[in-house]
Protein backbone atom coordinates (compact mmCIF):
# COMPACT_ATOMS: atom_id res chain seq x y z
CA UNK A 1 58.04 238.14 20.25
CA UNK A 2 59.10 235.31 22.28
CA UNK A 3 59.76 235.82 26.54
CA UNK A 4 60.98 233.72 29.04
CA UNK A 5 61.12 233.84 33.05
CA UNK A 6 64.57 236.11 33.93
CA UNK A 7 64.27 235.43 37.24
CA UNK A 8 61.19 234.14 40.12
CA UNK A 9 61.63 235.46 43.81
CA UNK A 10 59.14 234.33 46.74
CA UNK A 11 59.64 236.54 49.95
CA UNK A 12 59.94 239.81 48.39
CA UNK A 13 58.60 243.39 47.90
CA UNK A 14 58.86 246.49 46.06
CA UNK A 15 62.27 246.98 47.79
CA UNK A 16 64.17 244.79 45.49
CA UNK A 17 64.03 245.83 41.89
CA UNK A 18 60.46 248.02 41.80
CA UNK A 19 61.54 251.32 42.17
CA UNK A 20 64.37 251.44 39.89
CA UNK A 21 63.48 248.88 36.88
CA UNK A 22 65.07 251.03 34.41
CA UNK A 23 67.75 252.08 36.36
CA UNK A 24 69.06 248.53 36.26
CA UNK A 25 69.58 248.55 32.90
CA UNK A 26 72.13 251.41 32.53
CA UNK A 27 74.51 248.93 34.18
CA UNK A 28 74.16 246.49 31.16
CA UNK A 29 76.88 247.75 28.59
CA UNK A 30 76.08 248.99 25.93
CA UNK A 31 77.31 247.68 22.22
CA UNK A 32 79.02 249.75 19.65
CA UNK A 33 76.97 252.37 21.64
CA UNK A 34 73.74 250.24 21.19
CA UNK A 35 71.99 249.10 24.41
CA UNK A 36 71.02 245.03 23.46
CA UNK A 37 69.12 245.08 26.84
CA UNK A 38 66.28 247.03 25.64
CA UNK A 39 62.89 246.77 27.78
CA UNK A 40 61.77 244.31 30.32
CA UNK A 41 58.48 243.20 32.11
CA UNK A 42 59.14 242.67 36.28
CA UNK A 43 55.15 241.31 37.69
CA UNK A 44 54.56 241.86 41.35
CA UNK A 45 52.03 239.09 43.41
CA UNK A 46 51.38 239.01 46.74
CA UNK A 47 55.08 239.57 47.77
CA UNK A 48 56.21 237.35 44.91
CA UNK A 49 58.36 238.40 41.84
CA UNK A 50 59.03 237.35 38.44
CA UNK A 51 60.86 239.14 35.58
CA UNK A 52 60.18 238.50 31.64
CA UNK A 53 62.89 239.09 29.38
CA UNK A 54 62.67 238.54 25.48
CA UNK A 55 64.42 235.26 24.44
CA UNK A 56 66.59 236.56 21.58
CA UNK A 57 67.44 239.80 23.66
CA UNK A 58 68.72 237.72 26.63
CA UNK A 59 71.13 235.07 24.66
CA UNK A 60 72.48 238.66 22.67
CA UNK A 61 73.11 240.39 25.89
CA UNK A 62 74.95 236.96 27.57
CA UNK A 63 77.01 236.55 24.50
CA UNK A 64 78.18 240.36 24.45
CA UNK A 65 78.99 240.14 28.22
CA UNK A 66 81.07 236.84 27.97
CA UNK A 67 82.61 238.80 24.79
CA UNK A 68 83.88 241.84 26.86
CA UNK A 69 85.02 239.60 29.70
CA UNK A 70 87.26 237.59 27.58
CA UNK A 71 87.89 239.88 24.78
CA UNK A 72 88.64 243.07 27.55
CA UNK A 73 91.39 242.81 29.13
CA UNK A 74 90.87 244.46 33.13
CA UNK A 75 87.98 245.54 32.10
CA UNK A 76 86.03 242.87 34.38
CA UNK A 77 88.70 243.31 37.08
CA UNK A 78 87.87 246.88 37.74
CA UNK A 79 84.17 246.46 37.39
CA UNK A 80 84.56 243.80 40.37
CA UNK A 81 86.91 245.99 42.31
CA UNK A 82 84.56 248.81 42.03
CA UNK A 83 81.08 246.98 42.81
CA UNK A 84 82.60 245.49 45.85
CA UNK A 85 83.88 248.85 46.84
CA UNK A 86 80.30 249.97 46.47
CA UNK A 87 78.39 247.19 48.30
CA UNK A 88 81.09 247.55 51.45
CA UNK A 89 80.05 251.29 51.68
CA UNK A 90 76.49 249.92 51.32
CA UNK A 91 77.06 247.20 54.19
CA UNK A 92 78.73 250.14 56.47
CA UNK A 93 75.63 253.26 55.72
CA UNK A 94 73.41 250.70 56.68
CA UNK A 95 75.08 249.64 60.07
CA UNK A 96 75.43 252.52 60.98
CA UNK A 97 71.91 253.37 60.53
CA UNK A 98 71.11 250.43 62.23
CA UNK A 99 72.58 251.82 65.66
CA UNK A 100 70.64 255.10 65.46
CA UNK A 101 67.15 256.09 67.09
CA UNK A 102 65.16 256.35 64.60
CA UNK A 103 62.15 258.10 66.14
CA UNK A 104 64.36 261.22 66.80
CA UNK A 105 64.87 261.59 63.30
CA UNK A 106 62.83 264.25 61.84
CA UNK A 107 60.23 263.55 58.39
CA UNK A 108 62.87 265.13 56.35
CA UNK A 109 66.31 263.21 58.20
CA UNK A 110 63.97 260.18 57.66
CA UNK A 111 63.70 260.44 54.20
CA UNK A 112 66.97 261.64 53.23
CA UNK A 113 68.60 258.45 55.01
CA UNK A 114 65.81 256.28 53.42
CA UNK A 115 67.04 258.01 49.63
CA UNK A 116 70.48 257.29 50.75
CA UNK A 117 70.16 253.97 51.62
CA UNK A 118 67.89 253.32 49.08
CA UNK A 119 70.83 254.40 46.84
CA UNK A 120 73.90 253.07 47.93
CA UNK A 121 71.43 249.14 47.62
CA UNK A 122 71.03 249.91 43.79
CA UNK A 123 74.30 251.01 43.18
CA UNK A 124 75.65 247.66 45.12
CA UNK A 125 72.76 245.71 43.60
CA UNK A 126 73.20 247.32 39.71
CA UNK A 127 76.82 248.21 39.48
CA UNK A 128 78.11 244.61 38.09
CA UNK A 129 74.65 243.42 37.09
CA UNK A 130 75.73 242.44 33.63
CA UNK A 131 78.62 239.89 34.95
CA UNK A 132 77.29 238.67 38.26
CA UNK A 133 73.76 238.11 37.22
CA UNK A 134 73.17 238.72 32.83
CA UNK A 135 76.11 236.67 32.07
CA UNK A 136 75.29 233.37 33.50
CA UNK A 137 71.45 233.95 33.52
CA UNK A 138 70.29 231.96 30.54
CA UNK A 139 72.58 229.66 28.92
CA UNK A 140 75.36 229.91 31.36
CA UNK A 141 77.47 230.66 28.97
CA UNK A 142 80.92 232.06 30.72
CA UNK A 143 80.54 228.98 33.18
CA UNK A 144 80.06 226.58 29.83
CA UNK A 145 83.03 228.71 28.01
CA UNK A 146 85.31 227.72 30.44
CA UNK A 147 84.42 224.66 31.45
CA UNK A 148 84.79 224.26 27.55
CA UNK A 149 88.50 225.72 27.64
CA UNK A 150 89.54 223.93 30.67
CA UNK A 151 88.45 220.60 29.17
CA UNK A 152 90.21 221.19 25.77
CA UNK A 153 93.06 222.13 27.37
CA UNK A 154 93.28 218.76 30.04
CA UNK A 155 93.03 216.72 26.62
CA UNK A 156 95.39 218.50 25.02
CA UNK A 157 97.96 217.37 27.75
CA UNK A 158 96.31 213.69 28.15
CA UNK A 159 94.05 213.89 30.66
CA UNK A 160 90.75 212.65 29.49
CA UNK A 161 89.29 211.77 32.85
CA UNK A 162 86.32 213.26 33.27
CA UNK A 163 85.67 213.02 37.13
CA UNK A 164 89.26 214.93 36.79
CA UNK A 165 87.94 217.64 34.82
CA UNK A 166 84.91 218.35 36.92
CA UNK A 167 87.72 218.46 40.23
CA UNK A 168 89.80 220.68 38.62
CA UNK A 169 86.76 223.09 37.52
CA UNK A 170 85.29 223.23 41.08
CA UNK A 171 88.80 223.99 42.38
CA UNK A 172 89.45 226.48 40.50
CA UNK A 173 86.40 228.44 40.69
CA UNK A 174 86.44 228.71 44.40
CA UNK A 175 86.59 231.86 45.91
CA UNK A 176 89.80 231.98 47.91
CA UNK A 177 88.04 235.73 49.91
CA UNK A 178 86.30 234.75 53.34
CA UNK A 179 82.72 235.53 52.90
CA UNK A 180 80.04 236.48 55.57
CA UNK A 181 78.96 232.64 55.93
CA UNK A 182 83.03 232.02 56.89
CA UNK A 183 83.03 234.71 58.76
CA UNK A 184 80.09 234.00 61.11
CA UNK A 185 81.33 230.25 61.30
CA UNK A 186 84.68 231.33 62.43
CA UNK A 187 82.52 233.51 64.94
CA UNK A 188 80.24 230.70 66.19
CA UNK A 189 83.31 228.51 67.08
CA UNK A 190 84.87 230.91 69.06
CA UNK A 191 81.53 231.87 71.01
CA UNK A 192 81.69 227.61 71.57
CA UNK A 193 84.36 227.66 72.81
CA UNK A 194 84.42 230.58 75.32
CA UNK A 195 81.16 229.01 76.32
CA UNK A 196 83.02 225.97 77.55
CA UNK A 197 85.49 228.09 79.51
CA UNK A 198 85.69 229.16 83.12
CA UNK A 199 85.00 232.52 82.10
CA UNK A 200 82.28 234.21 84.14
CA UNK A 201 78.48 233.52 83.26
CA UNK A 202 77.81 237.45 83.24
CA UNK A 203 81.00 237.46 80.34
CA UNK A 204 79.66 234.63 78.35
CA UNK A 205 76.26 236.64 78.41
CA UNK A 206 77.56 239.28 76.85
CA UNK A 207 79.59 237.57 74.05
CA UNK A 208 76.11 235.51 73.25
CA UNK A 209 74.21 238.87 72.84
CA UNK A 210 77.01 240.08 71.01
CA UNK A 211 76.98 237.60 68.45
CA UNK A 212 73.55 238.01 68.23
CA UNK A 213 73.62 241.02 67.18
CA UNK A 214 76.09 241.16 65.05
CA UNK A 215 75.07 238.11 62.93
CA UNK A 216 71.16 237.58 63.35
CA UNK A 217 70.20 239.81 60.20
CA UNK A 218 71.77 236.84 57.92
CA UNK A 219 68.59 234.65 57.39
CA UNK A 220 66.86 238.29 56.59
CA UNK A 221 66.06 237.95 52.84
CA UNK A 222 63.81 240.69 51.03
CA UNK A 223 61.40 240.50 54.14
CA UNK A 224 62.39 239.00 57.49
CA UNK A 225 62.52 237.47 59.57
CA UNK A 226 65.57 237.79 61.65
CA UNK A 227 67.40 235.23 64.12
CA UNK A 228 66.21 235.70 67.43
CA UNK A 229 68.63 235.02 70.34
CA UNK A 230 66.92 231.73 70.73
CA UNK A 231 68.69 230.50 67.54
CA UNK A 232 71.80 230.54 68.56
CA UNK A 233 71.21 229.82 72.20
CA UNK A 234 69.73 226.47 70.59
CA UNK A 235 72.67 226.14 68.03
CA UNK A 236 74.94 226.35 71.26
CA UNK A 237 72.82 223.22 72.81
CA UNK A 238 72.64 221.25 70.07
CA UNK A 239 76.40 221.84 69.58
CA UNK A 240 77.54 221.35 73.08
CA UNK A 241 78.82 218.10 72.77
CA UNK A 242 82.13 218.72 70.12
CA UNK A 243 85.00 218.28 71.49
CA UNK A 244 87.37 219.46 68.90
CA UNK A 245 86.52 223.19 68.88
CA UNK A 246 90.52 224.28 68.32
CA UNK A 247 91.09 221.92 65.47
CA UNK A 248 87.62 223.32 64.09
CA UNK A 249 88.69 226.93 64.34
CA UNK A 250 92.23 226.15 63.08
CA UNK A 251 90.68 224.58 60.01
CA UNK A 252 88.11 227.54 59.11
CA UNK A 253 91.06 230.29 59.77
CA UNK A 254 93.21 228.26 57.24
CA UNK A 255 90.75 227.82 54.93
CA UNK A 256 91.19 229.99 52.23
CA UNK A 257 94.63 230.09 52.14
CA UNK A 258 94.89 225.99 51.84
CA UNK A 259 92.44 226.40 49.05
CA UNK A 260 94.68 229.01 47.26
CA UNK A 261 97.88 226.44 48.21
CA UNK A 262 95.71 223.91 46.40
CA UNK A 263 95.18 226.23 43.41
CA UNK A 264 98.86 227.07 42.83
CA UNK A 265 99.48 223.64 43.04
CA UNK A 266 97.49 222.29 40.28
CA UNK A 267 98.13 225.74 38.29
CA UNK A 268 101.56 224.75 38.52
CA UNK A 269 101.09 220.94 37.34
CA UNK A 270 99.24 220.79 35.06
CA UNK A 271 101.12 224.14 33.46
CA UNK A 272 97.80 226.44 33.12
CA UNK A 273 98.07 228.77 30.58
CA UNK A 274 97.89 232.80 31.51
CA UNK A 275 95.02 233.25 29.43
CA UNK A 276 92.69 230.39 31.28
CA UNK A 277 94.46 231.43 34.71
CA UNK A 278 92.79 235.10 33.88
CA UNK A 279 89.73 233.65 33.25
CA UNK A 280 89.22 231.13 36.43
CA UNK A 281 90.25 234.17 38.32
CA UNK A 282 87.27 236.65 36.95
CA UNK A 283 85.29 233.42 37.55
CA UNK A 284 86.22 233.06 41.34
CA UNK A 285 85.53 237.09 41.63
CA UNK A 286 82.15 236.33 40.18
CA UNK A 287 81.25 234.10 42.49
CA UNK A 288 82.57 235.66 45.35
CA UNK A 289 81.06 239.18 44.33
CA UNK A 290 77.63 237.75 44.14
CA UNK A 291 77.41 235.93 47.39
CA UNK A 292 78.97 239.05 49.25
CA UNK A 293 76.37 241.23 47.23
CA UNK A 294 73.26 239.25 48.29
CA UNK A 295 74.90 239.10 51.77
CA UNK A 296 75.00 242.95 51.50
CA UNK A 297 71.52 243.50 50.56
CA UNK A 298 69.96 241.34 52.59
CA UNK A 299 71.42 242.91 55.49
CA UNK A 300 70.32 246.41 53.56
CA UNK A 301 67.19 245.24 54.06
CA UNK A 302 66.88 244.45 57.38
CA UNK A 303 68.13 247.76 58.04
CA UNK A 304 65.69 249.23 55.35
CA UNK A 305 62.72 247.81 57.28
CA UNK A 306 63.47 249.79 60.38
CA UNK A 307 62.79 252.77 58.34
CA UNK A 308 59.59 252.01 56.62
CA UNK A 309 58.79 250.23 59.95
CA UNK A 310 59.37 253.94 61.28
CA UNK A 311 57.38 255.38 57.87
CA UNK A 312 54.75 253.44 58.42
CA UNK A 313 53.70 254.67 62.25
CA UNK A 314 54.07 258.04 61.19
CA UNK A 315 52.03 257.53 58.40
CA UNK A 316 49.37 255.36 59.90
CA UNK A 317 50.04 252.64 57.19
CA UNK A 318 51.28 248.90 58.01
CA UNK A 319 54.55 247.62 57.36
CA UNK A 320 53.94 246.04 54.30
CA UNK A 321 52.26 248.90 53.16
CA UNK A 322 55.57 251.02 53.63
CA UNK A 323 57.59 248.40 51.53
CA UNK A 324 55.76 249.47 48.50
CA UNK A 325 56.68 253.22 47.89
CA UNK A 326 58.88 254.53 45.25
CA UNK A 327 61.53 256.67 46.47
CA UNK A 328 59.73 259.45 44.94
CA UNK A 329 56.19 258.25 46.76
CA UNK A 330 58.24 258.41 50.09
CA UNK A 331 59.23 262.44 49.78
CA UNK A 332 55.91 263.47 49.17
CA UNK A 333 54.72 261.00 51.95
CA UNK A 334 56.66 262.34 54.76
CA UNK A 335 57.29 265.84 53.88
CA UNK A 336 54.31 266.85 52.51
CA UNK A 337 51.82 263.74 53.83
CA UNK A 338 50.54 262.82 50.05
CA UNK A 339 50.33 259.11 49.60
CA UNK A 340 47.42 256.83 48.05
CA UNK A 341 47.08 253.95 50.51
CA UNK A 342 44.69 252.43 48.30
CA UNK A 343 47.26 252.54 45.34
CA UNK A 344 50.07 250.88 47.86
CA UNK A 345 47.50 247.96 48.41
CA UNK A 346 47.06 247.20 44.85
CA UNK A 347 50.80 247.36 44.12
CA UNK A 348 51.14 244.49 46.55
CA UNK A 349 47.89 242.60 45.77
CA UNK A 350 49.47 242.69 41.48
CA UNK A 351 51.19 244.72 39.20
CA UNK A 352 53.20 244.95 36.58
CA UNK A 353 56.24 247.13 35.35
CA UNK A 354 57.71 247.78 32.00
CA UNK A 355 60.82 249.59 32.07
CA UNK A 356 63.49 250.39 28.96
CA UNK A 357 66.46 252.44 29.58
CA UNK A 358 64.60 255.39 29.69
CA UNK A 359 61.28 254.98 31.51
CA UNK A 360 58.92 252.83 33.36
CA UNK A 361 55.77 252.75 34.01
CA UNK A 362 53.09 250.53 36.55
CA UNK A 363 50.03 248.89 35.63
CA UNK A 364 47.27 247.37 37.70
CA UNK A 365 44.04 245.32 37.19
CA UNK A 366 42.63 244.46 34.26
CA UNK A 367 45.47 246.63 32.25
CA UNK A 368 47.95 244.34 34.15
CA UNK A 369 46.76 241.22 33.57
CA UNK A 370 46.10 241.74 29.40
CA UNK A 371 49.73 242.94 29.15
CA UNK A 372 50.80 239.75 30.62
CA UNK A 373 48.25 237.38 28.80
CA UNK A 374 49.22 238.98 25.80
CA UNK A 375 52.78 237.73 25.91
CA UNK A 376 54.08 235.27 24.13
CA UNK A 377 55.90 233.30 27.14
CA UNK A 378 58.17 230.07 25.87
CA UNK A 379 57.09 227.27 28.33
CA UNK A 380 60.40 225.75 29.23
CA UNK A 381 60.30 221.88 27.84
CA UNK A 382 61.40 219.21 30.81
CA UNK A 383 63.02 215.35 29.45
CA UNK A 384 62.42 213.28 32.28
CA UNK A 385 63.02 210.15 30.13
CA UNK A 386 66.15 209.30 30.99
CA UNK A 387 66.55 211.53 34.50
CA UNK A 388 66.48 215.46 35.02
CA UNK A 389 69.48 217.05 33.88
CA UNK A 390 71.29 219.68 35.35
CA UNK A 391 75.06 220.97 35.35
CA UNK A 392 77.39 219.88 38.21
CA UNK A 393 78.20 222.40 40.69
CA UNK A 394 80.35 219.60 43.14
CA UNK A 395 80.80 216.03 42.15
CA UNK A 396 79.01 212.84 44.06
CA UNK A 397 76.60 210.56 44.09
CA UNK A 398 73.87 209.77 46.65
CA UNK A 399 70.32 208.74 47.36
CA UNK A 400 67.85 210.02 49.34
CA UNK A 401 64.13 211.76 50.80
CA UNK A 402 63.52 214.27 48.57
CA UNK A 403 62.31 217.88 51.25
CA UNK A 404 61.20 220.49 48.59
CA UNK A 405 62.72 224.02 50.45
CA UNK A 406 61.38 227.73 48.61
CA UNK A 407 60.75 229.51 51.88
CA UNK A 408 61.56 230.12 55.16
CA UNK A 409 58.90 227.89 55.98
CA UNK A 410 60.36 224.77 54.90
CA UNK A 411 63.49 224.83 56.96
CA UNK A 412 62.49 222.91 59.14
CA UNK A 413 61.05 219.73 57.21
CA UNK A 414 64.74 218.77 56.42
CA UNK A 415 66.62 215.98 58.59
CA UNK A 416 70.14 215.09 58.20
CA UNK A 417 70.56 213.16 55.26
CA UNK A 418 67.59 214.96 52.93
CA UNK A 419 67.91 215.74 49.31
CA UNK A 420 66.99 219.07 48.94
CA UNK A 421 65.32 220.98 46.38
CA UNK A 422 64.80 224.18 45.63
CA UNK A 423 63.90 226.67 42.94
CA UNK A 424 66.87 228.58 44.08
CA UNK A 425 68.49 229.15 47.60
CA UNK A 426 69.22 232.19 49.76
CA UNK A 427 71.52 232.20 52.70
CA UNK A 428 68.58 232.03 54.76
CA UNK A 429 68.28 228.15 53.94
CA UNK A 430 71.53 227.71 55.25
CA UNK A 431 70.80 225.34 58.26
CA UNK A 432 68.89 223.14 55.94
CA UNK A 433 71.71 222.36 53.53
CA UNK A 434 74.10 221.77 56.11
CA UNK A 435 71.79 218.79 56.89
CA UNK A 436 71.09 217.78 53.03
CA UNK A 437 73.35 214.93 51.46
CA UNK A 438 72.76 216.74 48.26
CA UNK A 439 71.27 220.38 46.76
CA UNK A 440 69.24 220.06 43.90
CA UNK A 441 67.92 223.69 42.26
CA UNK A 442 66.27 225.00 39.31
CA UNK A 443 68.49 228.13 39.39
CA UNK A 444 71.73 227.51 37.66
CA UNK A 445 75.79 228.55 36.76
CA UNK A 446 78.50 228.15 38.89
CA UNK A 447 77.93 231.77 40.23
CA UNK A 448 74.47 230.57 42.15
CA UNK A 449 73.74 230.37 45.56
CA UNK A 450 73.01 226.96 45.97
CA UNK A 451 77.01 225.83 43.95
CA UNK A 452 79.03 228.44 46.29
CA UNK A 453 77.41 226.63 49.45
CA UNK A 454 77.76 223.19 47.99
CA UNK A 455 81.65 223.68 47.80
CA UNK A 456 82.10 224.82 51.00
CA UNK A 457 80.17 221.87 51.89
CA UNK A 458 81.64 219.04 49.60
CA UNK A 459 78.01 217.58 49.17
CA UNK A 460 76.87 216.85 45.56
CA UNK A 461 74.82 219.82 43.93
CA UNK A 462 73.07 219.82 40.42
CA UNK A 463 71.95 223.22 39.28
CA UNK A 464 69.61 224.29 36.20
CA UNK A 465 67.17 221.78 36.01
CA UNK A 466 64.21 223.80 35.00
CA UNK A 467 60.57 222.47 36.47
CA UNK A 468 62.30 220.16 38.84
CA UNK A 469 59.92 221.26 41.61
CA UNK A 470 56.91 220.60 39.36
CA UNK A 471 57.75 216.50 38.89
CA UNK A 472 59.28 216.02 42.80
CA UNK A 473 57.29 216.04 45.90
CA UNK A 474 58.40 215.36 49.22
CA UNK A 475 59.18 211.87 50.09
CA UNK A 476 60.19 211.08 46.81
CA UNK A 477 63.30 209.11 46.70
CA UNK A 478 65.80 210.48 44.03
CA UNK A 479 69.47 209.00 43.10
CA UNK A 480 72.01 212.30 42.12
CA UNK A 481 74.92 211.45 39.91
CA UNK A 482 76.31 214.99 40.03
CA UNK A 483 79.19 213.75 38.34
CA UNK A 484 76.90 213.49 35.06
CA UNK A 485 74.71 216.38 36.21
CA UNK A 486 71.75 214.01 36.69
CA UNK A 487 68.60 212.91 39.24
CA UNK A 488 66.80 210.28 38.56
CA UNK A 489 63.68 209.06 40.57
CA UNK A 490 63.75 205.42 43.16
């Protein structure tokens, strides 16, 4: 059986998926009563995780989910409504915990809070995993489907302009709901306006602290860190010369309304069929929900780390160790004082999880190594003769110097005008993305984070170029033709 990488994430711990690898499968819809997604392997090694799935399985799953989205009216719509509700509940519950003094909780109260937060995290993350992850995780099946359907329709009405097709596709897939980054941006602009006003200095300080407490978690990812208050002080200094703040606030407040209006005008102008309108509405929901879910997870992990830090104090173990428990192990540790510190260390150092829809097993040491070595893993073949080829997430052309960004430590490398190249991007990378003249990622699909941000920043973006970071280095000069999805060294 051939296997391939399904996701590869740095700066992560067991709290992402290690504690519930089997349970994720139950949220992949069955076909005629049969679960197509039968098993997977997840490898944790020193705060790095890689998931492997059978090649033929993931193709079948992608195609099946696409068929459900296209043929079962209302299935995706109701799925996405519930998923947003679950994530909102997860976010609000986590927020309520962050305001409490955990040191005053009994061991039982601490465990029950931990368990409930983990349960809400899982439900928020997994409920729409079929559309927000698997649907476009391999061959961008749904993205390609709606792109091709739009292309065919535009050709049928006499529109054969390649750039026009790209622009219409990008516009029709742009979400019209306010996301977390837009909310934070508006709040920051209003803070900037306040700082320039003649209100009392004490009021300015209180406003700064309020903004910091509300948004410091946004770059947290899975293991942190959060921003400290100096990040916002520095941001205010860097933006002190901005004069048109009222206009920027107006633009930000009207952003989604204007996008919606422009979409409606386009739909009316080209007389887009209702079926295509619905397909694009689903795409917008997927893109919005994927981003919303990710921010809820970042916030949830920020709060979860407060709980695991308290657990580590009570058990006299390290905070890193406390983040490699399963939920059941936390119960035994806090309520019975039973835990295996050596197993936690081994798990973080290297372990392999195998899971199907009924169970999961964790392997260590030589046994884990043997399992992975015996997998027939497909190696991605990259053709570089005519440039690297990916998918256009936002059109445009530019040239610039490469900066590889795969962790928060890399962010400081990026200067204005650089071309940012990443395996995948996260909200923590946003400050670097704002400086970049283009974004390129190995992660693919119109629903990936880089594609979402590129739409907002209106900068060229090419996604889905496999193994790119193996061929490029910091300082390489490249040309990006996002219109064609091509990147070339120059």
